[in-house]
Amino acid sequence: MGRMVLMLGVALLVMLSKTEKGVAQLSMNYYSKSCPNVEKIIHDVMVQKQKESFVTAAGTLRIFFHDCFVQGCDASVLIASTATNKAEKDADDNLSLPGDGFDAVVRAKTALEKACPGIVSCADILSIATRDLVGLVGGPFWSVMKGRKDGRISLASNVPGNLPKPTMNVNQLTQIFQRNGFTQEEMIVLSGAHTVGFTHCSEFMNRIYNYSKTSSIDPTMNQTYAMQLRLACPNVNLDPTVVVFNDAVTPKKFDNVFFGNLERGEGVLASDQILWTDTRTRGIVNKLAANQSTFFSSWVEAMQKLSLVGVKTGKEGEVRKHCNAVN
């Protein structure tokens, strides 16, 4: 056990060392001369895309998270599979990533290639687009460091074990986030991303039907809320495409209501509800539920940190011509 802990510690130090080296080459003004209007171009595209489809913000945010937690924030999740390579995008954990999020990045890349061809990486586009879309649905603004390069490797086999699952407990969730340099509190803050977006019924059916021998519904879930979920997700002839909002109160607004929902037992995913049920993390949930400003300021810090995970710079990557394929 001691040797395993030591090995994990060394691996983490190596990862952090590489990250720090990459971060040192990023800057706020990276495109000031080569593509000075990069942020305006991306923002304008996001405004239009969000108008067309309100799920774009939540979808892009989820894609960004899934990208950064597998090989770092290098846009490898955007790469399409080929006849000889099954990419991250087609890993089981990523099959439900919303198409609107991918389309938002593609549109921004197209616009940028017209304005300043071959300059702006897909990784930077994804990071900036995520920030802008969160703002468009009511969330806070944060500055984005730029200069990331796009990864050249995308393997579906790299995904398992690196992303949170809806059945995980607090210890398991904490471990995944700690591997990427996040504290338990930062993990809970980032779970606030579920204040927007939706979940397929299959991800929580076990909580509202035949939960155990003594209870058909998960006792940590508000029973009235569970019955409402049953109406949307019937146990017979369920349409696999049916989804429910993660936050049924303000589903299209980025706010702290999600944490208040957890206090009432109205978390859709077990991995969300456990953050309040577990007394070790309940206090943080209560704090974020009580004050939106606290959540927003913590969110900004956590997202800036997330955007720097495993970044590639210089010869470690490239600037793709098309976000769905390496050059």
C-alpha atoms as a PDB file:
ATOM      1  CA  MET A   1       0.000   0.000   0.000  1.00  0.00           C
ATOM      2  CA  GLY A   2       2.822   2.406   0.907  1.00  0.00           C
ATOM      3  CA  ARG A   3       4.520   1.803  -2.427  1.00  0.00           C
ATOM      4  CA  MET A   4       1.257   2.428  -4.287  1.00  0.00           C
ATOM      5  CA  VAL A   5       0.706   5.729  -2.475  1.00  0.00           C
ATOM      6  CA  LEU A   6       4.288   6.743  -3.262  1.00  0.00           C
ATOM      7  CA  MET A   7       3.834   5.896  -6.945  1.00  0.00           C
ATOM      8  CA  LEU A   8       0.607   7.904  -7.094  1.00  0.00           C
ATOM      9  CA  GLY A   9       2.338  10.800  -5.402  1.00  0.00           C
ATOM     10  CA  VAL A  10       5.219  10.750  -7.882  1.00  0.00           C
ATOM     11  CA  ALA A  11       2.799  10.551 -10.807  1.00  0.00           C
ATOM     12  CA  LEU A  12       0.898  13.549  -9.457  1.00  0.00           C
ATOM     13  CA  LEU A  13       4.099  15.561  -9.060  1.00  0.00           C
ATOM     14  CA  VAL A  14       5.108  14.775 -12.646  1.00  0.00           C
ATOM     15  CA  MET A  15       1.665  15.803 -13.888  1.00  0.00           C
ATOM     16  CA  LEU A  16       1.755  19.052 -11.924  1.00  0.00           C
ATOM     17  CA  SER A  17       5.276  19.794 -13.152  1.00  0.00           C
ATOM     18  CA  LYS A  18       4.178  19.398 -16.770  1.00  0.00           C
ATOM     19  CA  THR A  19       1.091  21.509 -16.126  1.00  0.00           C
ATOM     20  CA  GLU A  20       3.106  24.311 -14.529  1.00  0.00           C
ATOM     21  CA  LYS A  21       5.506  24.291 -17.489  1.00  0.00           C
ATOM     22  CA  GLY A  22       2.610  24.567 -19.923  1.00  0.00           C
ATOM     23  CA  VAL A  23       0.812  27.262 -17.935  1.00  0.00           C
ATOM     24  CA  ALA A  24       3.949  29.406 -17.927  1.00  0.00           C
ATOM     25  CA  GLN A  25       3.659  29.693 -21.712  1.00  0.00           C
ATOM     26  CA  LEU A  26       0.016  30.865 -21.632  1.00  0.00           C
ATOM     27  CA  SER A  27      -1.042  34.497 -21.428  1.00  0.00           C
ATOM     28  CA  MET A  28      -4.116  36.698 -21.581  1.00  0.00           C
ATOM     29  CA  ASN A  29      -2.727  38.517 -24.624  1.00  0.00           C
ATOM     30  CA  TYR A  30      -1.498  35.495 -26.578  1.00  0.00           C
ATOM     31  CA  TYR A  31      -3.449  36.486 -29.714  1.00  0.00           C
ATOM     32  CA  SER A  32      -3.170  40.270 -29.323  1.00  0.00           C
ATOM     33  CA  LYS A  33      -1.211  40.584 -32.579  1.00  0.00           C
ATOM     34  CA  SER A  34      -2.022  37.379 -34.457  1.00  0.00           C
ATOM     35  CA  CYS A  35      -5.819  37.415 -33.914  1.00  0.00           C
ATOM     36  CA  PRO A  36      -6.816  40.473 -31.857  1.00  0.00           C
ATOM     37  CA  ASN A  37     -10.575  39.928 -32.215  1.00  0.00           C
ATOM     38  CA  VAL A  38     -10.534  36.287 -31.157  1.00  0.00           C
ATOM     39  CA  GLU A  39     -12.746  36.746 -28.088  1.00  0.00           C
ATOM     40  CA  LYS A  40     -15.310  38.916 -29.888  1.00  0.00           C
ATOM     41  CA  ILE A  41     -15.539  36.459 -32.774  1.00  0.00           C
ATOM     42  CA  ILE A  42     -16.121  33.530 -30.436  1.00  0.00           C
ATOM     43  CA  HIS A  43     -18.589  35.495 -28.327  1.00  0.00           C
ATOM     44  CA  ASP A  44     -20.677  36.519 -31.320  1.00  0.00           C
ATOM     45  CA  VAL A  45     -20.872  32.915 -32.494  1.00  0.00           C
ATOM     46  CA  MET A  46     -21.900  31.729 -29.029  1.00  0.00           C
ATOM     47  CA  VAL A  47     -24.647  34.347 -28.749  1.00  0.00           C
ATOM     48  CA  GLN A  48     -26.184  33.131 -31.993  1.00  0.00           C
ATOM     49  CA  LYS A  49     -25.796  29.446 -31.176  1.00  0.00           C
ATOM     50  CA  GLN A  50     -27.321  29.823 -27.703  1.00  0.00           C
ATOM     51  CA  LYS A  51     -30.295  31.629 -29.235  1.00  0.00           C
ATOM     52  CA  GLU A  52     -30.837  28.719 -31.577  1.00  0.00           C
ATOM     53  CA  SER A  53     -30.498  26.020 -28.904  1.00  0.00           C
ATOM     54  CA  PHE A  54     -30.681  26.709 -25.165  1.00  0.00           C
ATOM     55  CA  VAL A  55     -28.894  23.434 -24.337  1.00  0.00           C
ATOM     56  CA  THR A  56     -25.699  24.707 -25.991  1.00  0.00           C
ATOM     57  CA  ALA A  57     -24.328  26.225 -22.767  1.00  0.00           C
ATOM     58  CA  ALA A  58     -24.777  23.108 -20.671  1.00  0.00           C
ATOM     59  CA  GLY A  59     -23.557  20.881 -23.480  1.00  0.00           C
ATOM     60  CA  THR A  60     -20.373  22.839 -24.107  1.00  0.00           C
ATOM     61  CA  LEU A  61     -19.632  23.074 -20.392  1.00  0.00           C
ATOM     62  CA  ARG A  62     -19.905  19.303 -20.088  1.00  0.00           C
ATOM     63  CA  ILE A  63     -17.695  18.725 -23.119  1.00  0.00           C
ATOM     64  CA  PHE A  64     -15.071  21.060 -21.662  1.00  0.00           C
ATOM     65  CA  PHE A  65     -15.029  19.169 -18.375  1.00  0.00           C
ATOM     66  CA  HIS A  66     -14.805  15.786 -20.101  1.00  0.00           C
ATOM     67  CA  ASP A  67     -11.963  17.084 -22.248  1.00  0.00           C
ATOM     68  CA  CYS A  68      -9.874  18.469 -19.390  1.00  0.00           C
ATOM     69  CA  PHE A  69     -10.162  15.387 -17.167  1.00  0.00           C
ATOM     70  CA  VAL A  70      -8.844  13.079 -19.907  1.00  0.00           C
ATOM     71  CA  GLN A  71      -5.311  14.023 -21.027  1.00  0.00           C
ATOM     72  CA  GLY A  72      -5.829  17.667 -20.080  1.00  0.00           C
ATOM     73  CA  CYS A  73      -7.512  20.611 -21.811  1.00  0.00           C
ATOM     74  CA  ASP A  74      -6.297  19.808 -25.323  1.00  0.00           C
ATOM     75  CA  ALA A  75      -9.565  19.460 -27.286  1.00  0.00           C
ATOM     76  CA  SER A  76      -8.882  15.737 -27.773  1.00  0.00           C
ATOM     77  CA  VAL A  77     -12.557  15.039 -27.026  1.00  0.00           C
ATOM     78  CA  LEU A  78     -13.477  16.858 -30.247  1.00  0.00           C
ATOM     79  CA  ILE A  79     -11.563  14.456 -32.493  1.00  0.00           C
ATOM     80  CA  ALA A  80     -13.711  12.040 -34.479  1.00  0.00           C
ATOM     81  CA  SER A  81     -12.998   8.332 -34.665  1.00  0.00           C
ATOM     82  CA  THR A  82     -11.486   6.838 -37.796  1.00  0.00           C
ATOM     83  CA  ALA A  83     -11.397   3.354 -39.281  1.00  0.00           C
ATOM     84  CA  THR A  84      -8.236   2.664 -37.289  1.00  0.00           C
ATOM     85  CA  ASN A  85      -8.849   4.644 -34.097  1.00  0.00           C
ATOM     86  CA  LYS A  86     -11.746   4.833 -31.653  1.00  0.00           C
ATOM     87  CA  ALA A  87     -11.506   8.334 -30.208  1.00  0.00           C
ATOM     88  CA  GLU A  88     -12.493   9.723 -26.782  1.00  0.00           C
ATOM     89  CA  LYS A  89     -15.719  11.068 -28.226  1.00  0.00           C
ATOM     90  CA  ASP A  90     -16.965   7.514 -28.779  1.00  0.00           C
ATOM     91  CA  ALA A  91     -16.084   6.151 -25.338  1.00  0.00           C
ATOM     92  CA  ASP A  92     -19.159   4.958 -23.438  1.00  0.00           C
ATOM     93  CA  ASP A  93     -18.920   7.825 -20.944  1.00  0.00           C
ATOM     94  CA  ASN A  94     -18.963  10.373 -23.786  1.00  0.00           C
ATOM     95  CA  LEU A  95     -21.704   9.029 -26.031  1.00  0.00           C
ATOM     96  CA  SER A  96     -24.282  11.334 -24.430  1.00  0.00           C
ATOM     97  CA  LEU A  97     -22.252  14.523 -24.953  1.00  0.00           C
ATOM     98  CA  PRO A  98     -24.648  16.963 -26.694  1.00  0.00           C
ATOM     99  CA  GLY A  99     -24.135  17.663 -30.374  1.00  0.00           C
ATOM    100  CA  ASP A 100     -24.932  21.354 -29.892  1.00  0.00           C
ATOM    101  CA  GLY A 101     -21.759  21.751 -27.850  1.00  0.00           C
ATOM    102  CA  PHE A 102     -19.598  20.278 -30.595  1.00  0.00           C
ATOM    103  CA  ASP A 103     -21.381  22.399 -33.197  1.00  0.00           C
ATOM    104  CA  ALA A 104     -20.706  25.567 -31.205  1.00  0.00           C
ATOM    105  CA  VAL A 105     -16.945  24.938 -31.344  1.00  0.00           C
ATOM    106  CA  VAL A 106     -17.035  24.034 -35.038  1.00  0.00           C
ATOM    107  CA  ARG A 107     -18.859  27.268 -35.859  1.00  0.00           C
ATOM    108  CA  ALA A 108     -16.370  29.343 -33.882  1.00  0.00           C
ATOM    109  CA  LYS A 109     -13.442  27.587 -35.554  1.00  0.00           C
ATOM    110  CA  THR A 110     -14.929  28.273 -39.001  1.00  0.00           C
ATOM    111  CA  ALA A 111     -15.325  31.968 -38.200  1.00  0.00           C
ATOM    112  CA  LEU A 112     -11.787  32.215 -36.815  1.00  0.00           C
ATOM    113  CA  GLU A 113     -10.249  30.432 -39.799  1.00  0.00           C
ATOM    114  CA  LYS A 114     -11.747  33.129 -42.007  1.00  0.00           C
ATOM    115  CA  ALA A 115     -10.428  35.946 -39.817  1.00  0.00           C
ATOM    116  CA  CYS A 116      -7.011  34.527 -38.868  1.00  0.00           C
ATOM    117  CA  PRO A 117      -6.362  31.110 -40.446  1.00  0.00           C
ATOM    118  CA  GLY A 118      -4.194  28.603 -38.622  1.00  0.00           C
ATOM    119  CA  ILE A 119      -3.794  30.711 -35.490  1.00  0.00           C
ATOM    120  CA  VAL A 120      -6.360  29.858 -32.786  1.00  0.00           C
ATOM    121  CA  SER A 121      -6.377  26.363 -31.313  1.00  0.00           C
ATOM    122  CA  CYS A 122      -9.537  24.358 -30.761  1.00  0.00           C
ATOM    123  CA  ALA A 123      -8.504  23.977 -27.113  1.00  0.00           C
ATOM    124  CA  ASP A 124      -8.554  27.750 -26.639  1.00  0.00           C
ATOM    125  CA  ILE A 125     -11.851  28.017 -28.504  1.00  0.00           C
ATOM    126  CA  LEU A 126     -13.461  25.447 -26.225  1.00  0.00           C
ATOM    127  CA  SER A 127     -12.189  27.208 -23.107  1.00  0.00           C
ATOM    128  CA  ILE A 128     -13.369  30.670 -24.214  1.00  0.00           C
ATOM    129  CA  ALA A 129     -16.675  29.393 -25.587  1.00  0.00           C
ATOM    130  CA  THR A 130     -17.449  27.634 -22.303  1.00  0.00           C
ATOM    131  CA  ARG A 131     -16.827  30.841 -20.359  1.00  0.00           C
ATOM    132  CA  ASP A 132     -19.007  32.909 -22.715  1.00  0.00           C
ATOM    133  CA  LEU A 133     -21.891  30.432 -22.732  1.00  0.00           C
ATOM    134  CA  VAL A 134     -21.979  30.223 -18.935  1.00  0.00           C
ATOM    135  CA  GLY A 135     -22.231  34.014 -18.927  1.00  0.00           C
ATOM    136  CA  LEU A 136     -25.042  33.979 -21.473  1.00  0.00           C
ATOM    137  CA  VAL A 137     -27.202  31.899 -19.115  1.00  0.00           C
ATOM    138  CA  GLY A 138     -26.554  34.079 -16.083  1.00  0.00           C
ATOM    139  CA  GLY A 139     -23.225  32.858 -14.773  1.00  0.00           C
ATOM    140  CA  PRO A 140     -20.141  34.886 -13.820  1.00  0.00           C
ATOM    141  CA  PHE A 141     -17.347  36.068 -16.117  1.00  0.00           C
ATOM    142  CA  TRP A 142     -13.736  34.947 -15.771  1.00  0.00           C
ATOM    143  CA  SER A 143     -10.568  35.701 -17.675  1.00  0.00           C
ATOM    144  CA  VAL A 144      -9.193  32.908 -19.866  1.00  0.00           C
ATOM    145  CA  MET A 145      -5.488  32.348 -20.369  1.00  0.00           C
ATOM    146  CA  LYS A 146      -4.696  31.525 -23.993  1.00  0.00           C
ATOM    147  CA  GLY A 147      -2.005  29.700 -25.939  1.00  0.00           C
ATOM    148  CA  ARG A 148      -3.077  26.069 -25.526  1.00  0.00           C
ATOM    149  CA  LYS A 149      -2.173  23.691 -28.303  1.00  0.00           C
ATOM    150  CA  ASP A 150      -4.429  20.923 -29.558  1.00  0.00           C
ATOM    151  CA  GLY A 151      -3.561  17.348 -28.657  1.00  0.00           C
ATOM    152  CA  ARG A 152      -2.717  14.858 -31.381  1.00  0.00           C
ATOM    153  CA  ILE A 153      -3.912  11.770 -29.493  1.00  0.00           C
ATOM    154  CA  SER A 154      -7.504  10.809 -28.715  1.00  0.00           C
ATOM    155  CA  LEU A 155      -8.209   7.297 -27.483  1.00  0.00           C
ATOM    156  CA  ALA A 156     -11.485   5.971 -26.121  1.00  0.00           C
ATOM    157  CA  SER A 157      -9.437   3.633 -23.937  1.00  0.00           C
ATOM    158  CA  ASN A 158      -8.083   6.638 -21.998  1.00  0.00           C
ATOM    159  CA  VAL A 159     -11.536   7.648 -20.743  1.00  0.00           C
ATOM    160  CA  PRO A 160     -12.626   4.893 -18.298  1.00  0.00           C
ATOM    161  CA  GLY A 161     -11.762   5.724 -14.708  1.00  0.00           C
ATOM    162  CA  ASN A 162     -11.079   9.400 -15.365  1.00  0.00           C
ATOM    163  CA  LEU A 163     -14.612  10.799 -15.246  1.00  0.00           C
ATOM    164  CA  PRO A 164     -17.132  10.860 -12.394  1.00  0.00           C
ATOM    165  CA  LYS A 165     -20.027   8.416 -12.595  1.00  0.00           C
ATOM    166  CA  PRO A 166     -23.550   9.027 -11.217  1.00  0.00           C
ATOM    167  CA  THR A 167     -23.196   6.055  -8.845  1.00  0.00           C
ATOM    168  CA  MET A 168     -20.010   7.259  -7.153  1.00  0.00           C
ATOM    169  CA  ASN A 169     -19.828   8.126  -3.457  1.00  0.00           C
ATOM    170  CA  VAL A 170     -17.989  11.081  -1.957  1.00  0.00           C
ATOM    171  CA  ASN A 171     -14.722   9.172  -1.507  1.00  0.00           C
ATOM    172  CA  GLN A 172     -14.684   8.049  -5.144  1.00  0.00           C
ATOM    173  CA  LEU A 173     -15.577  11.485  -6.456  1.00  0.00           C
ATOM    174  CA  THR A 174     -12.967  13.147  -4.272  1.00  0.00           C
ATOM    175  CA  GLN A 175     -10.271  10.766  -5.522  1.00  0.00           C
ATOM    176  CA  ILE A 176     -10.964  11.556  -9.195  1.00  0.00           C
ATOM    177  CA  PHE A 177     -10.832  15.287  -8.584  1.00  0.00           C
ATOM    178  CA  GLN A 178      -7.746  15.071  -6.374  1.00  0.00           C
ATOM    179  CA  ARG A 179      -5.904  13.295  -9.188  1.00  0.00           C
ATOM    180  CA  ASN A 180      -6.379  16.472 -11.188  1.00  0.00           C
ATOM    181  CA  GLY A 181      -5.260  18.742  -8.358  1.00  0.00           C
ATOM    182  CA  PHE A 182      -8.669  19.772  -6.965  1.00  0.00           C
ATOM    183  CA  THR A 183      -9.767  19.953  -3.351  1.00  0.00           C
ATOM    184  CA  GLN A 184     -13.002  18.421  -2.143  1.00  0.00           C
ATOM    185  CA  GLU A 185     -14.583  21.866  -1.903  1.00  0.00           C
ATOM    186  CA  GLU A 186     -13.574  22.676  -5.473  1.00  0.00           C
ATOM    187  CA  MET A 187     -15.153  19.400  -6.536  1.00  0.00           C
ATOM    188  CA  ILE A 188     -18.450  20.436  -4.989  1.00  0.00           C
ATOM    189  CA  VAL A 189     -18.237  23.890  -6.551  1.00  0.00           C
ATOM    190  CA  LEU A 190     -17.670  22.386 -10.003  1.00  0.00           C
ATOM    191  CA  SER A 191     -20.634  20.053  -9.502  1.00  0.00           C
ATOM    192  CA  GLY A 192     -22.643  23.273  -9.613  1.00  0.00           C
ATOM    193  CA  ALA A 193     -22.352  22.950 -13.402  1.00  0.00           C
ATOM    194  CA  HIS A 194     -25.452  20.790 -13.011  1.00  0.00           C
ATOM    195  CA  THR A 195     -27.465  23.918 -12.330  1.00  0.00           C
ATOM    196  CA  VAL A 196     -27.961  23.830 -16.112  1.00  0.00           C
ATOM    197  CA  GLY A 197     -28.328  20.847 -18.403  1.00  0.00           C
ATOM    198  CA  PHE A 198     -30.163  17.565 -18.301  1.00  0.00           C
ATOM    199  CA  THR A 199     -29.813  13.860 -17.571  1.00  0.00           C
ATOM    200  CA  HIS A 200     -31.141  10.791 -19.378  1.00  0.00           C
ATOM    201  CA  CYS A 201     -33.610   8.717 -17.381  1.00  0.00           C
ATOM    202  CA  SER A 202     -31.322   5.694 -17.495  1.00  0.00           C
ATOM    203  CA  GLU A 203     -28.853   7.497 -15.225  1.00  0.00           C
ATOM    204  CA  PHE A 204     -31.229   7.541 -12.247  1.00  0.00           C
ATOM    205  CA  MET A 205     -33.954   4.931 -12.881  1.00  0.00           C
ATOM    206  CA  ASN A 206     -32.529   2.780 -10.088  1.00  0.00           C
ATOM    207  CA  ARG A 207     -33.293   5.609  -7.651  1.00  0.00           C
ATOM    208  CA  ILE A 208     -37.008   5.851  -8.460  1.00  0.00           C
ATOM    209  CA  TYR A 209     -37.896   2.194  -9.131  1.00  0.00           C
ATOM    210  CA  ASN A 210     -37.096  -0.934  -7.107  1.00  0.00           C
ATOM    211  CA  TYR A 211     -34.352   0.818  -5.157  1.00  0.00           C
ATOM    212  CA  SER A 212     -34.149  -1.842  -2.444  1.00  0.00           C
ATOM    213  CA  LYS A 213     -36.117  -4.589  -0.737  1.00  0.00           C
ATOM    214  CA  THR A 214     -37.419  -2.100   1.816  1.00  0.00           C
ATOM    215  CA  SER A 215     -37.920   0.984  -0.357  1.00  0.00           C
ATOM    216  CA  SER A 216     -38.920   1.338  -4.015  1.00  0.00           C
ATOM    217  CA  ILE A 217     -37.530   4.896  -4.011  1.00  0.00           C
ATOM    218  CA  ASP A 218     -34.110   6.022  -2.817  1.00  0.00           C
ATOM    219  CA  PRO A 219     -34.823   7.325   0.718  1.00  0.00           C
ATOM    220  CA  THR A 220     -32.400  10.232   0.175  1.00  0.00           C
ATOM    221  CA  MET A 221     -34.635  11.536  -2.607  1.00  0.00           C
ATOM    222  CA  ASN A 222     -37.672  13.719  -1.944  1.00  0.00           C
ATOM    223  CA  GLN A 223     -40.548  11.290  -2.429  1.00  0.00           C
ATOM    224  CA  THR A 224     -42.831  13.816  -4.148  1.00  0.00           C
ATOM    225  CA  TYR A 225     -40.039  14.738  -6.519  1.00  0.00           C
ATOM    226  CA  ALA A 226     -39.415  11.048  -7.229  1.00  0.00           C
ATOM    227  CA  MET A 227     -43.047  10.601  -8.259  1.00  0.00           C
ATOM    228  CA  GLN A 228     -42.710  13.537 -10.647  1.00  0.00           C
ATOM    229  CA  LEU A 229     -39.633  11.914 -12.173  1.00  0.00           C
ATOM    230  CA  ARG A 230     -41.614   8.699 -12.613  1.00  0.00           C
ATOM    231  CA  LEU A 231     -44.096  10.574 -14.787  1.00  0.00           C
ATOM    232  CA  ALA A 232     -41.284  11.703 -17.062  1.00  0.00           C
ATOM    233  CA  CYS A 233     -39.513   8.343 -16.964  1.00  0.00           C
ATOM    234  CA  PRO A 234     -42.016   5.452 -16.945  1.00  0.00           C
ATOM    235  CA  ASN A 235     -40.719   2.019 -16.028  1.00  0.00           C
ATOM    236  CA  VAL A 236     -42.383   0.456 -19.083  1.00  0.00           C
ATOM    237  CA  ASN A 237     -41.683   1.344 -22.712  1.00  0.00           C
ATOM    238  CA  LEU A 238     -39.227   4.069 -21.749  1.00  0.00           C
ATOM    239  CA  ASP A 239     -38.026   6.224 -24.616  1.00  0.00           C
ATOM    240  CA  PRO A 240     -34.204   6.186 -24.257  1.00  0.00           C
ATOM    241  CA  THR A 241     -33.992   9.739 -25.600  1.00  0.00           C
ATOM    242  CA  VAL A 242     -36.090  11.230 -22.784  1.00  0.00           C
ATOM    243  CA  VAL A 243     -34.203  13.573 -20.451  1.00  0.00           C
ATOM    244  CA  VAL A 244     -35.017  15.615 -17.364  1.00  0.00           C
ATOM    245  CA  PHE A 245     -33.471  18.863 -16.168  1.00  0.00           C
ATOM    246  CA  ASN A 246     -30.810  18.563 -13.485  1.00  0.00           C
ATOM    247  CA  ASP A 247     -32.320  21.647 -11.866  1.00  0.00           C
ATOM    248  CA  ALA A 248     -36.099  21.565 -12.238  1.00  0.00           C
ATOM    249  CA  VAL A 249     -36.544  24.975 -10.573  1.00  0.00           C
ATOM    250  CA  THR A 250     -34.409  27.210 -12.834  1.00  0.00           C
ATOM    251  CA  PRO A 251     -33.233  24.821 -15.574  1.00  0.00           C
ATOM    252  CA  LYS A 252     -32.124  27.491 -18.047  1.00  0.00           C
ATOM    253  CA  LYS A 253     -30.335  29.744 -15.570  1.00  0.00           C
ATOM    254  CA  PHE A 254     -26.856  29.378 -14.116  1.00  0.00           C
ATOM    255  CA  ASP A 255     -27.334  30.025 -10.392  1.00  0.00           C
ATOM    256  CA  ASN A 256     -26.947  28.411  -6.989  1.00  0.00           C
ATOM    257  CA  VAL A 257     -30.456  26.916  -6.879  1.00  0.00           C
ATOM    258  CA  PHE A 258     -28.961  23.511  -7.668  1.00  0.00           C
ATOM    259  CA  PHE A 259     -27.448  23.381  -4.171  1.00  0.00           C
ATOM    260  CA  GLY A 260     -30.767  24.333  -2.595  1.00  0.00           C
ATOM    261  CA  ASN A 261     -32.329  21.450  -4.488  1.00  0.00           C
ATOM    262  CA  LEU A 262     -29.880  19.064  -2.843  1.00  0.00           C
ATOM    263  CA  GLU A 263     -30.930  20.346   0.585  1.00  0.00           C
ATOM    264  CA  ARG A 264     -34.515  19.352  -0.274  1.00  0.00           C
ATOM    265  CA  GLY A 265     -33.561  15.928  -1.613  1.00  0.00           C
ATOM    266  CA  GLU A 266     -34.149  16.986  -5.206  1.00  0.00           C
ATOM    267  CA  GLY A 267     -30.840  15.991  -6.744  1.00  0.00           C
ATOM    268  CA  VAL A 268     -31.439  13.897  -9.844  1.00  0.00           C
ATOM    269  CA  LEU A 269     -28.131  12.039  -9.783  1.00  0.00           C
ATOM    270  CA  ALA A 270     -27.087  10.005  -6.772  1.00  0.00           C
ATOM    271  CA  SER A 271     -23.576  11.455  -7.089  1.00  0.00           C
ATOM    272  CA  ASP A 272     -25.042  14.938  -6.669  1.00  0.00           C
ATOM    273  CA  GLN A 273     -27.413  14.134  -3.806  1.00  0.00           C
ATOM    274  CA  ILE A 274     -24.651  12.353  -1.868  1.00  0.00           C
ATOM    275  CA  LEU A 275     -22.835  15.697  -1.581  1.00  0.00           C
ATOM    276  CA  TRP A 276     -25.537  16.823   0.861  1.00  0.00           C
ATOM    277  CA  THR A 277     -26.394  13.426   2.358  1.00  0.00           C
ATOM    278  CA  ASP A 278     -22.783  12.837   3.398  1.00  0.00           C
ATOM    279  CA  THR A 279     -22.215  14.945   6.502  1.00  0.00           C
ATOM    280  CA  ARG A 280     -18.576  15.512   5.544  1.00  0.00           C
ATOM    281  CA  THR A 281     -19.572  17.631   2.534  1.00  0.00           C
ATOM    282  CA  ARG A 282     -23.003  18.903   3.621  1.00  0.00           C
ATOM    283  CA  GLY A 283     -21.635  22.102   5.119  1.00  0.00           C
ATOM    284  CA  ILE A 284     -20.096  23.170   1.815  1.00  0.00           C
ATOM    285  CA  VAL A 285     -23.348  22.515  -0.046  1.00  0.00           C
ATOM    286  CA  ASN A 286     -25.248  24.557   2.551  1.00  0.00           C
ATOM    287  CA  LYS A 287     -22.756  27.419   2.215  1.00  0.00           C
ATOM    288  CA  LEU A 288     -23.098  27.534  -1.569  1.00  0.00           C
ATOM    289  CA  ALA A 289     -26.886  27.247  -1.365  1.00  0.00           C
ATOM    290  CA  ALA A 290     -27.074  30.167   1.045  1.00  0.00           C
ATOM    291  CA  ASN A 291     -25.068  32.663  -0.998  1.00  0.00           C
ATOM    292  CA  GLN A 292     -24.903  32.872  -4.784  1.00  0.00           C
ATOM    293  CA  SER A 293     -22.018  35.352  -4.663  1.00  0.00           C
ATOM    294  CA  THR A 294     -19.984  32.805  -2.720  1.00  0.00           C
ATOM    295  CA  PHE A 295     -20.765  30.160  -5.324  1.00  0.00           C
ATOM    296  CA  PHE A 296     -19.919  32.466  -8.224  1.00  0.00           C
ATOM    297  CA  SER A 297     -16.573  33.606  -6.801  1.00  0.00           C
ATOM    298  CA  SER A 298     -15.628  30.001  -5.996  1.00  0.00           C
ATOM    299  CA  TRP A 299     -16.785  28.908  -9.437  1.00  0.00           C
ATOM    300  CA  VAL A 300     -14.556  31.453 -11.179  1.00  0.00           C
ATOM    301  CA  GLU A 301     -11.481  30.248  -9.286  1.00  0.00           C
ATOM    302  CA  ALA A 302     -12.290  26.587  -9.913  1.00  0.00           C
ATOM    303  CA  MET A 303     -12.941  27.093 -13.632  1.00  0.00           C
ATOM    304  CA  GLN A 304      -9.736  29.058 -14.127  1.00  0.00           C
ATOM    305  CA  LYS A 305      -7.913  26.199 -12.440  1.00  0.00           C
ATOM    306  CA  LEU A 306      -9.753  23.591 -14.522  1.00  0.00           C
ATOM    307  CA  SER A 307      -8.834  25.352 -17.759  1.00  0.00           C
ATOM    308  CA  LEU A 308      -5.141  24.871 -16.955  1.00  0.00           C
ATOM    309  CA  VAL A 309      -5.233  21.128 -16.296  1.00  0.00           C
ATOM    310  CA  GLY A 310      -2.735  19.275 -18.464  1.00  0.00           C
ATOM    311  CA  VAL A 311      -2.449  22.039 -21.073  1.00  0.00           C
ATOM    312  CA  LYS A 312      -0.139  21.455 -24.024  1.00  0.00           C
ATOM    313  CA  THR A 313       2.037  24.207 -25.421  1.00  0.00           C
ATOM    314  CA  GLY A 314       4.762  24.584 -28.030  1.00  0.00           C
ATOM    315  CA  LYS A 315       5.678  21.349 -29.778  1.00  0.00           C
ATOM    316  CA  GLU A 316       3.522  19.287 -27.405  1.00  0.00           C
ATOM    317  CA  GLY A 317       0.569  19.937 -29.689  1.00  0.00           C
ATOM    318  CA  GLU A 318      -0.627  21.739 -32.783  1.00  0.00           C
ATOM    319  CA  VAL A 319      -3.268  24.154 -34.041  1.00  0.00           C
ATOM    320  CA  ARG A 320      -5.734  21.959 -35.878  1.00  0.00           C
ATOM    321  CA  LYS A 321      -7.213  23.102 -39.162  1.00  0.00           C
ATOM    322  CA  HIS A 322     -10.383  21.238 -38.270  1.00  0.00           C
ATOM    323  CA  CYS A 323     -11.298  20.535 -34.662  1.00  0.00           C
ATOM    324  CA  ASN A 324     -12.502  17.005 -35.384  1.00  0.00           C
ATOM    325  CA  ALA A 325      -9.239  15.772 -36.926  1.00  0.00           C
ATOM    326  CA  VAL A 326      -5.502  16.062 -36.353  1.00  0.00           C
ATOM    327  CA  ASN A 327      -3.528  17.808 -39.075  1.00  0.00           C
END
